[in-house]
Amino acid sequence: MNQINPKKLLNSKWTSVTPVNREKHFVISEIIFDEDDVVTSCRIEAVLSKSAISINWHDLKDDRCWVHGWK
C-alpha cells in the first residue's frame, strides 16, 4: 500500500501498473480541498497525451494499480 500525504499530492508523479493507450506516466495536476482541508477532488494528467481525468485520490494507495514516481 502506497503512503500518501494529501498536502504533498499536487505535482506528484505516478506510474500506472496497467497502461492504457501507451499512457503510463502521470502527474497530479489539480487538487481541491474543502473547508476542513479534506481532498474533495483530484485530477491526474497523462504526460504523453496531456489528457486529464478526475480520480479518487484513495485509488493511488493501491500498489496493484499505481506506483509512486516514474518507473
PDB file of N, CA and C in Angstrom:
ATOM      1  N   MET A   1       0.839  -1.173   0.000  1.00  0.00           N
ATOM      2  CA  MET A   1       0.000   0.000   0.000  1.00  0.00           C
ATOM      3  C   MET A   1       0.888   1.242   0.000  1.00  0.00           C
ATOM      4  N   ASN A   2       0.624   2.156  -0.937  1.00  0.00           N
ATOM      5  CA  ASN A   2       1.358   3.411  -1.031  1.00  0.00           C
ATOM      6  C   ASN A   2       0.896   4.366   0.072  1.00  0.00           C
ATOM      7  N   GLN A   3       1.846   5.028   0.705  1.00  0.00           N
ATOM      8  CA  GLN A   3       1.532   6.037   1.710  1.00  0.00           C
ATOM      9  C   GLN A   3       1.446   7.390   1.012  1.00  0.00           C
ATOM     10  N   ILE A   4       0.375   8.131   1.271  1.00  0.00           N
ATOM     11  CA  ILE A   4       0.152   9.401   0.589  1.00  0.00           C
ATOM     12  C   ILE A   4      -0.194  10.477   1.601  1.00  0.00           C
ATOM     13  N   ASN A   5       0.503  11.606   1.495  1.00  0.00           N
ATOM     14  CA  ASN A   5       0.177  12.784   2.277  1.00  0.00           C
ATOM     15  C   ASN A   5      -0.600  13.723   1.350  1.00  0.00           C
ATOM     16  N   PRO A   6      -1.881  13.996   1.621  1.00  0.00           N
ATOM     17  CA  PRO A   6      -2.684  14.834   0.727  1.00  0.00           C
ATOM     18  C   PRO A   6      -2.088  16.223   0.483  1.00  0.00           C
ATOM     19  N   LYS A   7      -1.349  16.744   1.442  1.00  0.00           N
ATOM     20  CA  LYS A   7      -0.749  18.073   1.292  1.00  0.00           C
ATOM     21  C   LYS A   7       0.391  18.064   0.262  1.00  0.00           C
ATOM     22  N   LYS A   8       1.014  16.911   0.030  1.00  0.00           N
ATOM     23  CA  LYS A   8       2.131  16.808  -0.907  1.00  0.00           C
ATOM     24  C   LYS A   8       1.731  16.129  -2.211  1.00  0.00           C
ATOM     25  N   LEU A   9       0.447  15.958  -2.424  1.00  0.00           N
ATOM     26  CA  LEU A   9      -0.043  15.224  -3.587  1.00  0.00           C
ATOM     27  C   LEU A   9       0.086  16.020  -4.885  1.00  0.00           C
ATOM     28  N   LEU A  10      -0.118  17.325  -4.843  1.00  0.00           N
ATOM     29  CA  LEU A  10      -0.072  18.156  -6.034  1.00  0.00           C
ATOM     30  C   LEU A  10       1.301  18.061  -6.707  1.00  0.00           C
ATOM     31  N   ASN A  11       1.301  17.864  -8.009  1.00  0.00           N
ATOM     32  CA  ASN A  11       2.505  17.730  -8.848  1.00  0.00           C
ATOM     33  C   ASN A  11       3.309  16.464  -8.577  1.00  0.00           C
ATOM     34  N   SER A  12       2.760  15.532  -7.801  1.00  0.00           N
ATOM     35  CA  SER A  12       3.478  14.277  -7.592  1.00  0.00           C
ATOM     36  C   SER A  12       3.344  13.407  -8.836  1.00  0.00           C
ATOM     37  N   LYS A  13       4.319  12.529  -9.034  1.00  0.00           N
ATOM     38  CA  LYS A  13       4.394  11.701 -10.226  1.00  0.00           C
ATOM     39  C   LYS A  13       3.985  10.269  -9.906  1.00  0.00           C
ATOM     40  N   TRP A  14       3.244   9.639 -10.848  1.00  0.00           N
ATOM     41  CA  TRP A  14       2.732   8.296 -10.651  1.00  0.00           C
ATOM     42  C   TRP A  14       2.889   7.484 -11.923  1.00  0.00           C
ATOM     43  N   THR A  15       3.079   6.180 -11.757  1.00  0.00           N
ATOM     44  CA  THR A  15       3.165   5.253 -12.877  1.00  0.00           C
ATOM     45  C   THR A  15       2.015   4.262 -12.770  1.00  0.00           C
ATOM     46  N   SER A  16       1.301   4.107 -13.870  1.00  0.00           N
ATOM     47  CA  SER A  16       0.215   3.137 -13.926  1.00  0.00           C
ATOM     48  C   SER A  16       0.799   1.744 -14.122  1.00  0.00           C
ATOM     49  N   VAL A  17       0.340   0.789 -13.336  1.00  0.00           N
ATOM     50  CA  VAL A  17       0.811  -0.597 -13.457  1.00  0.00           C
ATOM     51  C   VAL A  17       0.269  -1.223 -14.741  1.00  0.00           C
ATOM     52  N   THR A  18      -0.932  -0.831 -15.149  1.00  0.00           N
ATOM     53  CA  THR A  18      -1.532  -1.349 -16.386  1.00  0.00           C
ATOM     54  C   THR A  18      -1.827  -0.176 -17.316  1.00  0.00           C
ATOM     55  N   PRO A  19      -0.857   0.226 -18.141  1.00  0.00           N
ATOM     56  CA  PRO A  19      -1.041   1.369 -19.039  1.00  0.00           C
ATOM     57  C   PRO A  19      -2.146   1.123 -20.069  1.00  0.00           C
ATOM     58  N   VAL A  20      -2.838   2.202 -20.414  1.00  0.00           N
ATOM     59  CA  VAL A  20      -3.875   2.171 -21.442  1.00  0.00           C
ATOM     60  C   VAL A  20      -3.495   3.213 -22.490  1.00  0.00           C
ATOM     61  N   ASN A  21      -3.524   2.829 -23.755  1.00  0.00           N
ATOM     62  CA  ASN A  21      -3.155   3.726 -24.861  1.00  0.00           C
ATOM     63  C   ASN A  21      -1.755   4.304 -24.686  1.00  0.00           C
ATOM     64  N   ARG A  22      -0.820   3.488 -24.235  1.00  0.00           N
ATOM     65  CA  ARG A  22       0.578   3.875 -24.001  1.00  0.00           C
ATOM     66  C   ARG A  22       0.726   4.960 -22.933  1.00  0.00           C
ATOM     67  N   GLU A  23      -0.332   5.280 -22.202  1.00  0.00           N
ATOM     68  CA  GLU A  23      -0.248   6.276 -21.137  1.00  0.00           C
ATOM     69  C   GLU A  23       0.148   5.561 -19.850  1.00  0.00           C
ATOM     70  N   LYS A  24       1.384   5.773 -19.463  1.00  0.00           N
ATOM     71  CA  LYS A  24       1.940   5.080 -18.303  1.00  0.00           C
ATOM     72  C   LYS A  24       2.294   6.058 -17.180  1.00  0.00           C
ATOM     73  N   HIS A  25       2.846   7.211 -17.539  1.00  0.00           N
ATOM     74  CA  HIS A  25       3.297   8.188 -16.552  1.00  0.00           C
ATOM     75  C   HIS A  25       2.278   9.320 -16.408  1.00  0.00           C
ATOM     76  N   PHE A  26       2.018   9.675 -15.139  1.00  0.00           N
ATOM     77  CA  PHE A  26       1.003  10.679 -14.831  1.00  0.00           C
ATOM     78  C   PHE A  26       1.513  11.660 -13.779  1.00  0.00           C
ATOM     79  N   VAL A  27       0.911  12.845 -13.776  1.00  0.00           N
ATOM     80  CA  VAL A  27       1.204  13.880 -12.782  1.00  0.00           C
ATOM     81  C   VAL A  27      -0.126  14.359 -12.216  1.00  0.00           C
ATOM     82  N   ILE A  28      -0.169  14.557 -10.907  1.00  0.00           N
ATOM     83  CA  ILE A  28      -1.368  15.118 -10.278  1.00  0.00           C
ATOM     84  C   ILE A  28      -1.380  16.608 -10.605  1.00  0.00           C
ATOM     85  N   SER A  29      -2.364  17.047 -11.376  1.00  0.00           N
ATOM     86  CA  SER A  29      -2.378  18.420 -11.875  1.00  0.00           C
ATOM     87  C   SER A  29      -3.283  19.364 -11.083  1.00  0.00           C
ATOM     88  N   GLU A  30      -4.239  18.804 -10.342  1.00  0.00           N
ATOM     89  CA  GLU A  30      -5.168  19.666  -9.602  1.00  0.00           C
ATOM     90  C   GLU A  30      -5.734  18.913  -8.403  1.00  0.00           C
ATOM     91  N   ILE A  31      -5.820  19.619  -7.295  1.00  0.00           N
ATOM     92  CA  ILE A  31      -6.436  19.068  -6.084  1.00  0.00           C
ATOM     93  C   ILE A  31      -7.322  20.148  -5.492  1.00  0.00           C
ATOM     94  N   ILE A  32      -8.511  19.743  -5.102  1.00  0.00           N
ATOM     95  CA  ILE A  32      -9.428  20.681  -4.464  1.00  0.00           C
ATOM     96  C   ILE A  32      -9.711  20.182  -3.060  1.00  0.00           C
ATOM     97  N   PHE A  33      -9.516  21.086  -2.089  1.00  0.00           N
ATOM     98  CA  PHE A  33      -9.766  20.790  -0.682  1.00  0.00           C
ATOM     99  C   PHE A  33     -11.056  21.483  -0.252  1.00  0.00           C
ATOM    100  N   ASP A  34     -11.768  20.880   0.700  1.00  0.00           N
ATOM    101  CA  ASP A  34     -12.926  21.562   1.272  1.00  0.00           C
ATOM    102  C   ASP A  34     -12.462  22.438   2.437  1.00  0.00           C
ATOM    103  N   GLU A  35     -13.406  23.036   3.139  1.00  0.00           N
ATOM    104  CA  GLU A  35     -13.051  23.955   4.226  1.00  0.00           C
ATOM    105  C   GLU A  35     -12.372  23.256   5.408  1.00  0.00           C
ATOM    106  N   ASP A  36     -12.493  21.925   5.491  1.00  0.00           N
ATOM    107  CA  ASP A  36     -11.837  21.164   6.561  1.00  0.00           C
ATOM    108  C   ASP A  36     -10.507  20.563   6.107  1.00  0.00           C
ATOM    109  N   ASP A  37      -9.971  21.033   4.972  1.00  0.00           N
ATOM    110  CA  ASP A  37      -8.720  20.536   4.391  1.00  0.00           C
ATOM    111  C   ASP A  37      -8.764  19.050   4.050  1.00  0.00           C
ATOM    112  N   VAL A  38      -9.922  18.593   3.605  1.00  0.00           N
ATOM    113  CA  VAL A  38     -10.097  17.221   3.129  1.00  0.00           C
ATOM    114  C   VAL A  38     -10.153  17.280   1.603  1.00  0.00           C
ATOM    115  N   VAL A  39      -9.419  16.381   0.955  1.00  0.00           N
ATOM    116  CA  VAL A  39      -9.408  16.359  -0.505  1.00  0.00           C
ATOM    117  C   VAL A  39     -10.790  15.966  -1.018  1.00  0.00           C
ATOM    118  N   THR A  40     -11.364  16.819  -1.872  1.00  0.00           N
ATOM    119  CA  THR A  40     -12.673  16.524  -2.447  1.00  0.00           C
ATOM    120  C   THR A  40     -12.566  16.117  -3.910  1.00  0.00           C
ATOM    121  N   SER A  41     -11.516  16.573  -4.582  1.00  0.00           N
ATOM    122  CA  SER A  41     -11.356  16.256  -5.995  1.00  0.00           C
ATOM    123  C   SER A  41      -9.873  16.184  -6.344  1.00  0.00           C
ATOM    124  N   CYS A  42      -9.542  15.260  -7.240  1.00  0.00           N
ATOM    125  CA  CYS A  42      -8.157  15.084  -7.661  1.00  0.00           C
ATOM    126  C   CYS A  42      -8.156  14.847  -9.171  1.00  0.00           C
ATOM    127  N   ARG A  43      -7.309  15.565  -9.875  1.00  0.00           N
ATOM    128  CA  ARG A  43      -7.214  15.435 -11.328  1.00  0.00           C
ATOM    129  C   ARG A  43      -5.805  14.982 -11.675  1.00  0.00           C
ATOM    130  N   ILE A  44      -5.723  13.943 -12.520  1.00  0.00           N
ATOM    131  CA  ILE A  44      -4.444  13.368 -12.918  1.00  0.00           C
ATOM    132  C   ILE A  44      -4.285  13.546 -14.427  1.00  0.00           C
ATOM    133  N   GLU A  45      -3.062  13.920 -14.846  1.00  0.00           N
ATOM    134  CA  GLU A  45      -2.803  14.220 -16.255  1.00  0.00           C
ATOM    135  C   GLU A  45      -1.737  13.283 -16.808  1.00  0.00           C
ATOM    136  N   ALA A  46      -2.021  12.685 -17.960  1.00  0.00           N
ATOM    137  CA  ALA A  46      -1.064  11.812 -18.626  1.00  0.00           C
ATOM    138  C   ALA A  46       0.055  12.662 -19.231  1.00  0.00           C
ATOM    139  N   VAL A  47       1.298  12.249 -19.055  1.00  0.00           N
ATOM    140  CA  VAL A  47       2.432  13.002 -19.563  1.00  0.00           C
ATOM    141  C   VAL A  47       2.495  12.916 -21.083  1.00  0.00           C
ATOM    142  N   LEU A  48       2.218  11.769 -21.639  1.00  0.00           N
ATOM    143  CA  LEU A  48       2.341  11.551 -23.078  1.00  0.00           C
ATOM    144  C   LEU A  48       1.296  12.332 -23.882  1.00  0.00           C
ATOM    145  N   SER A  49       0.039  12.232 -23.507  1.00  0.00           N
ATOM    146  CA  SER A  49      -1.042  12.823 -24.307  1.00  0.00           C
ATOM    147  C   SER A  49      -1.625  14.103 -23.717  1.00  0.00           C
ATOM    148  N   LYS A  50      -1.247  14.440 -22.501  1.00  0.00           N
ATOM    149  CA  LYS A  50      -1.780  15.606 -21.786  1.00  0.00           C
ATOM    150  C   LYS A  50      -3.279  15.490 -21.496  1.00  0.00           C
ATOM    151  N   SER A  51      -3.839  14.294 -21.634  1.00  0.00           N
ATOM    152  CA  SER A  51      -5.250  14.109 -21.281  1.00  0.00           C
ATOM    153  C   SER A  51      -5.370  14.046 -19.767  1.00  0.00           C
ATOM    154  N   ALA A  52      -6.444  14.617 -19.245  1.00  0.00           N
ATOM    155  CA  ALA A  52      -6.634  14.671 -17.797  1.00  0.00           C
ATOM    156  C   ALA A  52      -7.972  14.034 -17.432  1.00  0.00           C
ATOM    157  N   ILE A  53      -7.967  13.329 -16.311  1.00  0.00           N
ATOM    158  CA  ILE A  53      -9.190  12.723 -15.801  1.00  0.00           C
ATOM    159  C   ILE A  53      -9.265  12.943 -14.298  1.00  0.00           C
ATOM    160  N   SER A  54     -10.471  12.935 -13.783  1.00  0.00           N
ATOM    161  CA  SER A  54     -10.662  13.020 -12.338  1.00  0.00           C
ATOM    162  C   SER A  54     -10.634  11.606 -11.773  1.00  0.00           C
ATOM    163  N   ILE A  55      -9.944  11.453 -10.641  1.00  0.00           N
ATOM    164  CA  ILE A  55      -9.874  10.151  -9.985  1.00  0.00           C
ATOM    165  C   ILE A  55     -10.117  10.326  -8.493  1.00  0.00           C
ATOM    166  N   ASN A  56     -10.417   9.238  -7.843  1.00  0.00           N
ATOM    167  CA  ASN A  56     -10.487   9.222  -6.388  1.00  0.00           C
ATOM    168  C   ASN A  56      -9.048   9.074  -5.897  1.00  0.00           C
ATOM    169  N   TRP A  57      -8.539  10.027  -5.154  1.00  0.00           N
ATOM    170  CA  TRP A  57      -7.129  10.001  -4.772  1.00  0.00           C
ATOM    171  C   TRP A  57      -6.791   8.804  -3.892  1.00  0.00           C
ATOM    172  N   HIS A  58      -7.785   8.197  -3.267  1.00  0.00           N
ATOM    173  CA  HIS A  58      -7.541   6.996  -2.465  1.00  0.00           C
ATOM    174  C   HIS A  58      -7.139   5.808  -3.340  1.00  0.00           C
ATOM    175  N   ASP A  59      -7.512   5.848  -4.623  1.00  0.00           N
ATOM    176  CA  ASP A  59      -7.114   4.778  -5.537  1.00  0.00           C
ATOM    177  C   ASP A  59      -5.602   4.714  -5.713  1.00  0.00           C
ATOM    178  N   LEU A  60      -4.915   5.824  -5.503  1.00  0.00           N
ATOM    179  CA  LEU A  60      -3.457   5.850  -5.632  1.00  0.00           C
ATOM    180  C   LEU A  60      -2.770   5.019  -4.556  1.00  0.00           C
ATOM    181  N   LYS A  61      -3.454   4.720  -3.494  1.00  0.00           N
ATOM    182  CA  LYS A  61      -2.882   3.902  -2.420  1.00  0.00           C
ATOM    183  C   LYS A  61      -2.728   2.443  -2.821  1.00  0.00           C
ATOM    184  N   ASP A  62      -3.473   2.006  -3.836  1.00  0.00           N
ATOM    185  CA  ASP A  62      -3.442   0.613  -4.271  1.00  0.00           C
ATOM    186  C   ASP A  62      -2.210   0.374  -5.146  1.00  0.00           C
ATOM    187  N   ASP A  63      -1.205  -0.315  -4.599  1.00  0.00           N
ATOM    188  CA  ASP A  63       0.039  -0.540  -5.344  1.00  0.00           C
ATOM    189  C   ASP A  63      -0.110  -1.586  -6.438  1.00  0.00           C
ATOM    190  N   ARG A  64      -1.289  -2.193  -6.556  1.00  0.00           N
ATOM    191  CA  ARG A  64      -1.549  -3.093  -7.690  1.00  0.00           C
ATOM    192  C   ARG A  64      -1.942  -2.296  -8.919  1.00  0.00           C
ATOM    193  N   CYS A  65      -2.284  -1.009  -8.735  1.00  0.00           N
ATOM    194  CA  CYS A  65      -2.691  -0.151  -9.850  1.00  0.00           C
ATOM    195  C   CYS A  65      -1.716   0.995 -10.101  1.00  0.00           C
ATOM    196  N   TRP A  66      -1.142   1.549  -9.020  1.00  0.00           N
ATOM    197  CA  TRP A  66      -0.287   2.715  -9.121  1.00  0.00           C
ATOM    198  C   TRP A  66       1.017   2.538  -8.359  1.00  0.00           C
ATOM    199  N   VAL A  67       2.102   3.076  -8.927  1.00  0.00           N
ATOM    200  CA  VAL A  67       3.403   3.097  -8.282  1.00  0.00           C
ATOM    201  C   VAL A  67       3.811   4.563  -8.160  1.00  0.00           C
ATOM    202  N   HIS A  68       4.243   4.960  -6.969  1.00  0.00           N
ATOM    203  CA  HIS A  68       4.665   6.343  -6.766  1.00  0.00           C
ATOM    204  C   HIS A  68       5.957   6.606  -7.519  1.00  0.00           C
ATOM    205  N   GLY A  69       6.024   7.694  -8.236  1.00  0.00           N
ATOM    206  CA  GLY A  69       7.195   8.038  -9.050  1.00  0.00           C
ATOM    207  C   GLY A  69       7.055   7.460 -10.450  1.00  0.00           C
ATOM    208  N   TRP A  70       8.045   7.757 -11.284  1.00  0.00           N
ATOM    209  CA  TRP A  70       8.046   7.236 -12.655  1.00  0.00           C
ATOM    210  C   TRP A  70       8.992   6.067 -12.735  1.00  0.00           C
ATOM    211  N   LYS A  71       8.468   4.896 -12.985  1.00  0.00           N
ATOM    212  CA  LYS A  71       9.265   3.663 -13.054  1.00  0.00           C
ATOM    213  C   LYS A  71       9.329   3.170 -14.470  1.00  0.00           C
TER     214      LYS A  71
END
